[in-house]
Amino acid sequence: MDNLIGANDVLFVLLGAVMVLAMHAGFAFLEVGTVRHKNQVNALVKILVDFQYLHWPTFL
């Protein structure tokens, strides 16, 4: 029974992490959609750099 509870906890945390990453991608698309066409690459690079510096401890 304890193994099942532990597995459910891990699954819950992993699903939460996937949803947060998907939400980050959604906000990236929203921000890119609000800028002019010539600035879209700059906006994506800014978003990716922000993602890198905010989440680097997670992936160590």
C-alpha atoms as a PDB file:
ATOM      1  CA  MET A   1       0.000   0.000   0.000  1.00  0.00           C
ATOM      2  CA  ASP A   2       2.853   2.401   0.779  1.00  0.00           C
ATOM      3  CA  ASN A   3       4.356   1.781  -2.659  1.00  0.00           C
ATOM      4  CA  LEU A   4       1.076   2.745  -4.291  1.00  0.00           C
ATOM      5  CA  ILE A   5       0.857   5.963  -2.280  1.00  0.00           C
ATOM      6  CA  GLY A   6       4.452   6.851  -3.158  1.00  0.00           C
ATOM      7  CA  ALA A   7       3.841   6.138  -6.843  1.00  0.00           C
ATOM      8  CA  ASN A   8       0.735   8.319  -6.822  1.00  0.00           C
ATOM      9  CA  ASP A   9       2.685  11.162  -5.222  1.00  0.00           C
ATOM     10  CA  VAL A  10       5.409  10.926  -7.862  1.00  0.00           C
ATOM     11  CA  LEU A  11       2.822  10.834 -10.642  1.00  0.00           C
ATOM     12  CA  PHE A  12       1.070  13.898  -9.220  1.00  0.00           C
ATOM     13  CA  VAL A  13       4.315  15.890  -9.052  1.00  0.00           C
ATOM     14  CA  LEU A  14       5.367  14.869 -12.567  1.00  0.00           C
ATOM     15  CA  LEU A  15       1.988  15.771 -14.041  1.00  0.00           C
ATOM     16  CA  GLY A  16       2.147  19.122 -12.275  1.00  0.00           C
ATOM     17  CA  ALA A  17       5.600  19.763 -13.744  1.00  0.00           C
ATOM     18  CA  VAL A  18       4.397  18.880 -17.240  1.00  0.00           C
ATOM     19  CA  MET A  19       1.460  21.254 -16.886  1.00  0.00           C
ATOM     20  CA  VAL A  20       3.738  24.082 -15.748  1.00  0.00           C
ATOM     21  CA  LEU A  21       6.044  23.532 -18.723  1.00  0.00           C
ATOM     22  CA  ALA A  22       3.056  23.470 -21.086  1.00  0.00           C
ATOM     23  CA  MET A  23       1.762  26.672 -19.512  1.00  0.00           C
ATOM     24  CA  HIS A  24       5.150  28.299 -20.088  1.00  0.00           C
ATOM     25  CA  ALA A  25       4.957  27.359 -23.772  1.00  0.00           C
ATOM     26  CA  GLY A  26       1.430  28.760 -23.984  1.00  0.00           C
ATOM     27  CA  PHE A  27       2.496  32.089 -22.546  1.00  0.00           C
ATOM     28  CA  ALA A  28       5.421  32.122 -24.986  1.00  0.00           C
ATOM     29  CA  PHE A  29       3.013  31.763 -27.906  1.00  0.00           C
ATOM     30  CA  LEU A  30       0.790  34.456 -26.415  1.00  0.00           C
ATOM     31  CA  GLU A  31       3.687  36.883 -26.095  1.00  0.00           C
ATOM     32  CA  VAL A  32       4.963  36.135 -29.604  1.00  0.00           C
ATOM     33  CA  GLY A  33       1.467  36.762 -30.939  1.00  0.00           C
ATOM     34  CA  THR A  34       1.362  40.228 -29.395  1.00  0.00           C
ATOM     35  CA  VAL A  35       4.547  41.571 -31.001  1.00  0.00           C
ATOM     36  CA  ARG A  36       5.203  42.597 -34.579  1.00  0.00           C
ATOM     37  CA  HIS A  37       6.461  40.030 -37.064  1.00  0.00           C
ATOM     38  CA  LYS A  38       9.962  41.500 -37.149  1.00  0.00           C
ATOM     39  CA  ASN A  39      10.303  41.178 -33.348  1.00  0.00           C
ATOM     40  CA  GLN A  40       9.026  37.614 -32.954  1.00  0.00           C
ATOM     41  CA  VAL A  41      12.469  35.995 -32.999  1.00  0.00           C
ATOM     42  CA  ASN A  42      13.723  38.417 -30.350  1.00  0.00           C
ATOM     43  CA  ALA A  43      10.698  37.684 -28.163  1.00  0.00           C
ATOM     44  CA  LEU A  44      11.240  33.916 -28.470  1.00  0.00           C
ATOM     45  CA  VAL A  45      14.926  34.245 -27.609  1.00  0.00           C
ATOM     46  CA  LYS A  46      14.049  36.343 -24.566  1.00  0.00           C
ATOM     47  CA  ILE A  47      11.502  33.754 -23.446  1.00  0.00           C
ATOM     48  CA  LEU A  48      13.963  30.885 -23.893  1.00  0.00           C
ATOM     49  CA  VAL A  49      16.677  32.729 -21.961  1.00  0.00           C
ATOM     50  CA  ASP A  50      14.208  33.487 -19.168  1.00  0.00           C
ATOM     51  CA  PHE A  51      13.216  29.823 -19.097  1.00  0.00           C
ATOM     52  CA  GLN A  52      16.856  28.762 -18.951  1.00  0.00           C
ATOM     53  CA  TYR A  53      17.775  31.009 -16.026  1.00  0.00           C
ATOM     54  CA  LEU A  54      14.592  30.421 -14.049  1.00  0.00           C
ATOM     55  CA  HIS A  55      14.607  26.632 -14.325  1.00  0.00           C
ATOM     56  CA  TRP A  56      18.292  25.699 -14.306  1.00  0.00           C
ATOM     57  CA  PRO A  57      18.226  24.339 -10.724  1.00  0.00           C
ATOM     58  CA  THR A  58      15.421  21.966 -11.705  1.00  0.00           C
ATOM     59  CA  PHE A  59      17.489  20.195 -14.333  1.00  0.00           C
ATOM     60  CA  LEU A  60      20.747  19.830 -12.400  1.00  0.00           C
END
